[in-house]
Amino acid sequence: MPKIIEIACFSLEAALIAQAAGANRIEFCIDKSQGGISPSFALMQAVRAAIHIPLYMMIRPRGGDFVYNTTELVQMSAMIVWAKELGINGFVFGILNSDNTINLAENQALVQLAAPLPCTFHRAFDGILDKKIALNQLIDMGFQCLLTAGGEGNALYFLPELSALIKQAQNKIGVMPGGGIRSSNLAQIQAATNAEAYHSAGIITGDLPDAAEIKQLIALHFA
């Protein structure tokens, strides 16, 4: 996996700030309070028109858990279809069973629908008990990236878990730490995990990413 700093953006303004600050990739969604859900077609169209760096879209029809009914799964498929037509570069999603295991059939269906575009399995992974089995399942399904804190919370508190996942991945899937990552702790996380990619909202105060923070993340990662 190439070295990147991915910035989670929750508005067009945020995406423009991240792009101008030198972010390598944007994960776009709305509603930070819910951990990010899918944007509307109109908003995604506007963002795609304004953003020239790689742009991934969150495929999540609502907040809350990651167990979806048939209607919601149809919505997720429809989002991927129209987002591909817009020229989105990749997708971020995760579907679980009620017992907090990965829903193999539904995730596989979306990965196949998204092809040839890459898919990231998001932090729905963090609540899974047997992460070793789950990571192998993601590899088998063709996910190219896993976004995880290593557990439920701040990535800084799960450094051994993140390191173990990265070693297990063996370049078969990228493991991208995310969850509370800032320039103030990136060096510590890098030293423990040696990850190639990191995910951050880059927010210091308020709702928008801080351009100086993004630049510092990039400087530290690419030093």
C-alpha atoms as a PDB file:
ATOM      1  CA  MET A   1       0.000   0.000   0.000  1.00  0.00           C
ATOM      2  CA  PRO A   2       1.464   3.413  -0.917  1.00  0.00           C
ATOM      3  CA  LYS A   3       2.187   5.946   1.796  1.00  0.00           C
ATOM      4  CA  ILE A   4      -0.808   8.243   2.185  1.00  0.00           C
ATOM      5  CA  ILE A   5      -2.556  10.584   4.564  1.00  0.00           C
ATOM      6  CA  GLU A   6      -6.304  10.229   4.065  1.00  0.00           C
ATOM      7  CA  ILE A   7      -8.537  12.975   5.433  1.00  0.00           C
ATOM      8  CA  ALA A   8     -12.156  12.358   6.427  1.00  0.00           C
ATOM      9  CA  CYS A   9     -14.255  15.281   5.181  1.00  0.00           C
ATOM     10  CA  PHE A  10     -17.863  16.055   6.055  1.00  0.00           C
ATOM     11  CA  SER A  11     -18.566  18.984   3.705  1.00  0.00           C
ATOM     12  CA  LEU A  12     -17.431  20.437   0.410  1.00  0.00           C
ATOM     13  CA  GLU A  13     -15.613  23.194   2.308  1.00  0.00           C
ATOM     14  CA  ALA A  14     -13.744  20.593   4.334  1.00  0.00           C
ATOM     15  CA  ALA A  15     -12.744  18.688   1.203  1.00  0.00           C
ATOM     16  CA  LEU A  16     -11.397  21.855  -0.413  1.00  0.00           C
ATOM     17  CA  ILE A  17      -9.318  22.610   2.685  1.00  0.00           C
ATOM     18  CA  ALA A  18      -7.913  19.083   2.744  1.00  0.00           C
ATOM     19  CA  GLN A  19      -7.051  19.177  -0.939  1.00  0.00           C
ATOM     20  CA  ALA A  20      -5.340  22.556  -0.690  1.00  0.00           C
ATOM     21  CA  ALA A  21      -3.329  21.366   2.319  1.00  0.00           C
ATOM     22  CA  GLY A  22      -1.923  18.459   0.334  1.00  0.00           C
ATOM     23  CA  ALA A  23      -3.974  15.477   1.496  1.00  0.00           C
ATOM     24  CA  ASN A  24      -3.301  12.374  -0.565  1.00  0.00           C
ATOM     25  CA  ARG A  25      -6.889  11.126  -0.465  1.00  0.00           C
ATOM     26  CA  ILE A  26     -10.302  12.165   0.848  1.00  0.00           C
ATOM     27  CA  GLU A  27     -12.922   9.952   2.450  1.00  0.00           C
ATOM     28  CA  PHE A  28     -16.148  11.877   1.954  1.00  0.00           C
ATOM     29  CA  CYS A  29     -19.284  11.545   4.039  1.00  0.00           C
ATOM     30  CA  ILE A  30     -21.644  13.711   6.060  1.00  0.00           C
ATOM     31  CA  ASP A  31     -22.777  13.842   9.692  1.00  0.00           C
ATOM     32  CA  LYS A  32     -19.660  13.609  11.832  1.00  0.00           C
ATOM     33  CA  SER A  33     -21.813  13.022  14.924  1.00  0.00           C
ATOM     34  CA  GLN A  34     -22.881   9.658  13.450  1.00  0.00           C
ATOM     35  CA  GLY A  35     -19.360   8.688  12.461  1.00  0.00           C
ATOM     36  CA  GLY A  36     -20.121   9.495   8.832  1.00  0.00           C
ATOM     37  CA  ILE A  37     -22.972   8.496   6.526  1.00  0.00           C
ATOM     38  CA  SER A  38     -23.468   8.677   2.784  1.00  0.00           C
ATOM     39  CA  PRO A  39     -23.910  12.087   1.145  1.00  0.00           C
ATOM     40  CA  SER A  40     -26.625  12.908  -1.356  1.00  0.00           C
ATOM     41  CA  PHE A  41     -26.113  12.534  -5.097  1.00  0.00           C
ATOM     42  CA  ALA A  42     -26.152  16.327  -5.556  1.00  0.00           C
ATOM     43  CA  LEU A  43     -23.514  16.935  -2.898  1.00  0.00           C
ATOM     44  CA  MET A  44     -21.304  14.120  -4.161  1.00  0.00           C
ATOM     45  CA  GLN A  45     -21.609  15.538  -7.673  1.00  0.00           C
ATOM     46  CA  ALA A  46     -20.453  18.952  -6.448  1.00  0.00           C
ATOM     47  CA  VAL A  47     -17.560  17.461  -4.503  1.00  0.00           C
ATOM     48  CA  ARG A  48     -16.406  15.371  -7.457  1.00  0.00           C
ATOM     49  CA  ALA A  49     -16.440  18.465  -9.666  1.00  0.00           C
ATOM     50  CA  ALA A  50     -14.270  20.395  -7.200  1.00  0.00           C
ATOM     51  CA  ILE A  51     -11.842  17.713  -6.048  1.00  0.00           C
ATOM     52  CA  HIS A  52      -9.089  16.353  -8.275  1.00  0.00           C
ATOM     53  CA  ILE A  53      -7.266  14.137  -5.768  1.00  0.00           C
ATOM     54  CA  PRO A  54      -8.471  10.552  -5.101  1.00  0.00           C
ATOM     55  CA  LEU A  55     -11.963  10.655  -3.609  1.00  0.00           C
ATOM     56  CA  TYR A  56     -13.536   7.763  -1.722  1.00  0.00           C
ATOM     57  CA  MET A  57     -17.204   7.774  -0.751  1.00  0.00           C
ATOM     58  CA  MET A  58     -18.735   6.365   2.407  1.00  0.00           C
ATOM     59  CA  ILE A  59     -21.494   3.856   1.647  1.00  0.00           C
ATOM     60  CA  ARG A  60     -23.554   3.929   4.838  1.00  0.00           C
ATOM     61  CA  PRO A  61     -27.281   4.725   4.623  1.00  0.00           C
ATOM     62  CA  ARG A  62     -27.723   5.631   8.298  1.00  0.00           C
ATOM     63  CA  GLY A  63     -25.973   5.945  11.627  1.00  0.00           C
ATOM     64  CA  GLY A  64     -26.099   3.324  14.332  1.00  0.00           C
ATOM     65  CA  ASP A  65     -25.127  -0.296  13.925  1.00  0.00           C
ATOM     66  CA  PHE A  66     -23.849  -1.991  10.789  1.00  0.00           C
ATOM     67  CA  VAL A  67     -26.593  -4.602  10.431  1.00  0.00           C
ATOM     68  CA  TYR A  68     -28.722  -3.589   7.449  1.00  0.00           C
ATOM     69  CA  ASN A  69     -32.130  -4.687   6.210  1.00  0.00           C
ATOM     70  CA  THR A  70     -32.984  -5.502   2.604  1.00  0.00           C
ATOM     71  CA  THR A  71     -34.100  -1.957   1.771  1.00  0.00           C
ATOM     72  CA  GLU A  72     -30.883  -0.488   3.145  1.00  0.00           C
ATOM     73  CA  LEU A  73     -28.772  -2.981   1.232  1.00  0.00           C
ATOM     74  CA  VAL A  74     -30.551  -2.019  -1.988  1.00  0.00           C
ATOM     75  CA  GLN A  75     -29.812   1.635  -1.184  1.00  0.00           C
ATOM     76  CA  MET A  76     -26.128   0.851  -0.686  1.00  0.00           C
ATOM     77  CA  SER A  77     -25.947  -0.914  -4.040  1.00  0.00           C
ATOM     78  CA  ALA A  78     -27.663   2.009  -5.765  1.00  0.00           C
ATOM     79  CA  MET A  79     -25.197   4.451  -4.211  1.00  0.00           C
ATOM     80  CA  ILE A  80     -22.262   2.511  -5.616  1.00  0.00           C
ATOM     81  CA  VAL A  81     -23.810   2.424  -9.083  1.00  0.00           C
ATOM     82  CA  TRP A  82     -24.365   6.173  -9.337  1.00  0.00           C
ATOM     83  CA  ALA A  83     -21.109   7.048  -7.601  1.00  0.00           C
ATOM     84  CA  LYS A  84     -19.194   5.022 -10.179  1.00  0.00           C
ATOM     85  CA  GLU A  85     -20.931   7.046 -12.875  1.00  0.00           C
ATOM     86  CA  LEU A  86     -19.744  10.246 -11.145  1.00  0.00           C
ATOM     87  CA  GLY A  87     -16.146   9.081 -11.273  1.00  0.00           C
ATOM     88  CA  ILE A  88     -15.622   8.368  -7.585  1.00  0.00           C
ATOM     89  CA  ASN A  89     -12.295   6.584  -7.013  1.00  0.00           C
ATOM     90  CA  GLY A  90     -13.240   4.093  -4.306  1.00  0.00           C
ATOM     91  CA  PHE A  91     -15.713   3.128  -1.601  1.00  0.00           C
ATOM     92  CA  VAL A  92     -15.791   2.719   2.154  1.00  0.00           C
ATOM     93  CA  PHE A  93     -18.323   0.417   3.823  1.00  0.00           C
ATOM     94  CA  GLY A  94     -18.808  -2.436   6.243  1.00  0.00           C
ATOM     95  CA  ILE A  95     -21.710  -4.819   6.844  1.00  0.00           C
ATOM     96  CA  LEU A  96     -21.977  -6.995   9.947  1.00  0.00           C
ATOM     97  CA  ASN A  97     -24.227  -9.794  11.123  1.00  0.00           C
ATOM     98  CA  SER A  98     -26.225  -9.417  14.314  1.00  0.00           C
ATOM     99  CA  ASP A  99     -23.544 -11.406  16.192  1.00  0.00           C
ATOM    100  CA  ASN A 100     -20.874  -8.837  15.218  1.00  0.00           C
ATOM    101  CA  THR A 101     -19.238 -11.008  12.587  1.00  0.00           C
ATOM    102  CA  ILE A 102     -18.686  -9.955   8.991  1.00  0.00           C
ATOM    103  CA  ASN A 103     -21.616 -10.503   6.638  1.00  0.00           C
ATOM    104  CA  LEU A 104     -19.702 -12.322   3.929  1.00  0.00           C
ATOM    105  CA  ALA A 105     -22.394 -12.482   1.258  1.00  0.00           C
ATOM    106  CA  GLU A 106     -23.453  -8.819   1.369  1.00  0.00           C
ATOM    107  CA  ASN A 107     -19.928  -7.396   1.595  1.00  0.00           C
ATOM    108  CA  GLN A 108     -18.812  -9.620  -1.263  1.00  0.00           C
ATOM    109  CA  ALA A 109     -21.729  -8.441  -3.377  1.00  0.00           C
ATOM    110  CA  LEU A 110     -20.765  -4.792  -2.887  1.00  0.00           C
ATOM    111  CA  VAL A 111     -17.076  -5.433  -3.568  1.00  0.00           C
ATOM    112  CA  GLN A 112     -18.046  -7.119  -6.835  1.00  0.00           C
ATOM    113  CA  LEU A 113     -20.439  -4.298  -7.723  1.00  0.00           C
ATOM    114  CA  ALA A 114     -17.735  -1.706  -7.056  1.00  0.00           C
ATOM    115  CA  ALA A 115     -15.120  -3.486  -9.202  1.00  0.00           C
ATOM    116  CA  PRO A 116     -12.723  -2.501 -10.563  1.00  0.00           C
ATOM    117  CA  LEU A 117     -12.704   0.299  -7.985  1.00  0.00           C
ATOM    118  CA  PRO A 118     -11.059  -0.403  -4.601  1.00  0.00           C
ATOM    119  CA  CYS A 119     -13.032  -0.874  -1.396  1.00  0.00           C
ATOM    120  CA  THR A 120     -12.095  -0.079   2.200  1.00  0.00           C
ATOM    121  CA  PHE A 121     -13.744  -1.893   5.105  1.00  0.00           C
ATOM    122  CA  HIS A 122     -14.364   0.768   7.752  1.00  0.00           C
ATOM    123  CA  ARG A 123     -14.366   0.840  11.528  1.00  0.00           C
ATOM    124  CA  ALA A 124     -17.280  -1.546  11.829  1.00  0.00           C
ATOM    125  CA  PHE A 125     -14.265  -3.869  12.152  1.00  0.00           C
ATOM    126  CA  ASP A 126     -13.326  -2.413  15.533  1.00  0.00           C
ATOM    127  CA  GLY A 127     -16.098  -4.180  17.449  1.00  0.00           C
ATOM    128  CA  ILE A 128     -15.428  -7.620  15.976  1.00  0.00           C
ATOM    129  CA  LEU A 129     -14.115 -10.068  18.577  1.00  0.00           C
ATOM    130  CA  ASP A 130     -12.009 -12.365  16.394  1.00  0.00           C
ATOM    131  CA  LYS A 131     -10.140  -9.835  14.294  1.00  0.00           C
ATOM    132  CA  LYS A 132      -7.658 -12.370  12.971  1.00  0.00           C
ATOM    133  CA  ILE A 133     -10.378 -14.401  11.261  1.00  0.00           C
ATOM    134  CA  ALA A 134     -12.146 -11.224  10.112  1.00  0.00           C
ATOM    135  CA  LEU A 135      -9.000  -9.842   8.472  1.00  0.00           C
ATOM    136  CA  ASN A 136      -8.516 -13.048   6.502  1.00  0.00           C
ATOM    137  CA  GLN A 137     -12.133 -12.817   5.370  1.00  0.00           C
ATOM    138  CA  LEU A 138     -11.595  -9.269   4.103  1.00  0.00           C
ATOM    139  CA  ILE A 139      -8.549 -10.404   2.158  1.00  0.00           C
ATOM    140  CA  ASP A 140     -10.490 -13.275   0.609  1.00  0.00           C
ATOM    141  CA  MET A 141     -13.336 -10.948  -0.414  1.00  0.00           C
ATOM    142  CA  GLY A 142     -10.999  -8.581  -2.212  1.00  0.00           C
ATOM    143  CA  PHE A 143     -11.011  -5.528   0.041  1.00  0.00           C
ATOM    144  CA  GLN A 144      -7.909  -3.476  -0.638  1.00  0.00           C
ATOM    145  CA  CYS A 145      -7.854  -1.581   2.654  1.00  0.00           C
ATOM    146  CA  LEU A 146      -8.992  -1.877   6.268  1.00  0.00           C
ATOM    147  CA  LEU A 147      -9.607   1.298   8.282  1.00  0.00           C
ATOM    148  CA  THR A 148      -9.355   0.482  11.976  1.00  0.00           C
ATOM    149  CA  ALA A 149      -8.296   1.770  15.367  1.00  0.00           C
ATOM    150  CA  GLY A 150      -7.476  -1.785  16.371  1.00  0.00           C
ATOM    151  CA  GLY A 151     -10.356  -1.668  18.837  1.00  0.00           C
ATOM    152  CA  GLU A 152     -13.276   0.496  19.852  1.00  0.00           C
ATOM    153  CA  GLY A 153     -11.773   3.893  20.651  1.00  0.00           C
ATOM    154  CA  ASN A 154      -8.585   5.827  19.973  1.00  0.00           C
ATOM    155  CA  ALA A 155      -5.931   4.103  17.877  1.00  0.00           C
ATOM    156  CA  LEU A 156      -3.313   5.199  20.390  1.00  0.00           C
ATOM    157  CA  TYR A 157      -4.743   2.685  22.879  1.00  0.00           C
ATOM    158  CA  PHE A 158      -4.527  -0.311  20.527  1.00  0.00           C
ATOM    159  CA  LEU A 159      -0.998  -0.158  19.162  1.00  0.00           C
ATOM    160  CA  PRO A 160      -0.170  -3.851  19.783  1.00  0.00           C
ATOM    161  CA  GLU A 161      -3.423  -4.860  18.069  1.00  0.00           C
ATOM    162  CA  LEU A 162      -2.727  -2.600  15.090  1.00  0.00           C
ATOM    163  CA  SER A 163       0.809  -3.916  14.794  1.00  0.00           C
ATOM    164  CA  ALA A 164      -0.455  -7.505  14.826  1.00  0.00           C
ATOM    165  CA  LEU A 165      -3.024  -6.777  12.117  1.00  0.00           C
ATOM    166  CA  ILE A 166      -0.428  -5.125   9.892  1.00  0.00           C
ATOM    167  CA  LYS A 167       1.936  -8.081  10.292  1.00  0.00           C
ATOM    168  CA  GLN A 168      -0.876 -10.528   9.534  1.00  0.00           C
ATOM    169  CA  ALA A 169      -1.893  -8.562   6.422  1.00  0.00           C
ATOM    170  CA  GLN A 170       1.511  -9.180   4.790  1.00  0.00           C
ATOM    171  CA  ASN A 171       0.722  -6.693   2.029  1.00  0.00           C
ATOM    172  CA  LYS A 172      -2.355  -8.696   1.013  1.00  0.00           C
ATOM    173  CA  ILE A 173      -4.479  -5.804   2.262  1.00  0.00           C
ATOM    174  CA  GLY A 174      -3.561  -2.339   3.465  1.00  0.00           C
ATOM    175  CA  VAL A 175      -4.235  -1.703   7.156  1.00  0.00           C
ATOM    176  CA  MET A 176      -4.823   2.010   7.743  1.00  0.00           C
ATOM    177  CA  PRO A 177      -4.892   3.164  11.374  1.00  0.00           C
ATOM    178  CA  GLY A 178      -7.584   5.716  12.106  1.00  0.00           C
ATOM    179  CA  GLY A 179      -9.263   7.039  15.233  1.00  0.00           C
ATOM    180  CA  GLY A 180      -7.927  10.070  17.059  1.00  0.00           C
ATOM    181  CA  ILE A 181      -4.796  10.329  14.932  1.00  0.00           C
ATOM    182  CA  ARG A 182      -3.198  13.766  15.040  1.00  0.00           C
ATOM    183  CA  SER A 183       0.240  15.223  14.413  1.00  0.00           C
ATOM    184  CA  SER A 184       0.808  15.150  18.181  1.00  0.00           C
ATOM    185  CA  ASN A 185       0.665  11.335  18.313  1.00  0.00           C
ATOM    186  CA  LEU A 186       1.505  10.216  14.779  1.00  0.00           C
ATOM    187  CA  ALA A 187       5.184   9.607  15.538  1.00  0.00           C
ATOM    188  CA  GLN A 188       4.279   7.274  18.418  1.00  0.00           C
ATOM    189  CA  ILE A 189       1.784   5.373  16.268  1.00  0.00           C
ATOM    190  CA  GLN A 190       4.239   5.134  13.384  1.00  0.00           C
ATOM    191  CA  ALA A 191       6.978   3.788  15.633  1.00  0.00           C
ATOM    192  CA  ALA A 192       4.673   1.077  16.966  1.00  0.00           C
ATOM    193  CA  THR A 193       2.965   0.025  13.736  1.00  0.00           C
ATOM    194  CA  ASN A 194       5.073   1.135  10.762  1.00  0.00           C
ATOM    195  CA  ALA A 195       1.829   1.586   8.818  1.00  0.00           C
ATOM    196  CA  GLU A 196       1.947   2.968   5.287  1.00  0.00           C
ATOM    197  CA  ALA A 197      -1.338   4.892   5.458  1.00  0.00           C
ATOM    198  CA  TYR A 198      -3.115   6.904   8.135  1.00  0.00           C
ATOM    199  CA  HIS A 199      -6.637   8.305   8.414  1.00  0.00           C
ATOM    200  CA  SER A 200      -7.505  11.514  10.243  1.00  0.00           C
ATOM    201  CA  ALA A 201     -10.199  14.167  10.224  1.00  0.00           C
ATOM    202  CA  GLY A 202      -7.463  16.744  10.810  1.00  0.00           C
ATOM    203  CA  ILE A 203      -9.814  18.705  13.078  1.00  0.00           C
ATOM    204  CA  ILE A 204      -8.350  20.631  15.995  1.00  0.00           C
ATOM    205  CA  THR A 205     -11.364  22.785  16.863  1.00  0.00           C
ATOM    206  CA  GLY A 206     -14.785  23.200  15.277  1.00  0.00           C
ATOM    207  CA  ASP A 207     -16.040  21.118  12.372  1.00  0.00           C
ATOM    208  CA  LEU A 208     -13.486  21.808   9.647  1.00  0.00           C
ATOM    209  CA  PRO A 209     -10.054  20.298   9.131  1.00  0.00           C
ATOM    210  CA  ASP A 210      -7.098  22.456  10.065  1.00  0.00           C
ATOM    211  CA  ALA A 211      -4.807  23.033   7.097  1.00  0.00           C
ATOM    212  CA  ALA A 212      -1.711  23.381   9.284  1.00  0.00           C
ATOM    213  CA  GLU A 213      -2.534  20.101  11.036  1.00  0.00           C
ATOM    214  CA  ILE A 214      -2.878  18.275   7.719  1.00  0.00           C
ATOM    215  CA  LYS A 215       0.419  19.688   6.493  1.00  0.00           C
ATOM    216  CA  GLN A 216       2.102  18.586   9.700  1.00  0.00           C
ATOM    217  CA  LEU A 217       0.679  15.058   9.386  1.00  0.00           C
ATOM    218  CA  ILE A 218       2.031  14.867   5.841  1.00  0.00           C
ATOM    219  CA  ALA A 219       5.428  16.252   6.860  1.00  0.00           C
ATOM    220  CA  LEU A 220       5.788  13.721   9.663  1.00  0.00           C
ATOM    221  CA  HIS A 221       4.634  10.738   7.597  1.00  0.00           C
ATOM    222  CA  PHE A 222       6.779  11.514   4.580  1.00  0.00           C
ATOM    223  CA  ALA A 223       9.864  12.668   6.498  1.00  0.00           C
END
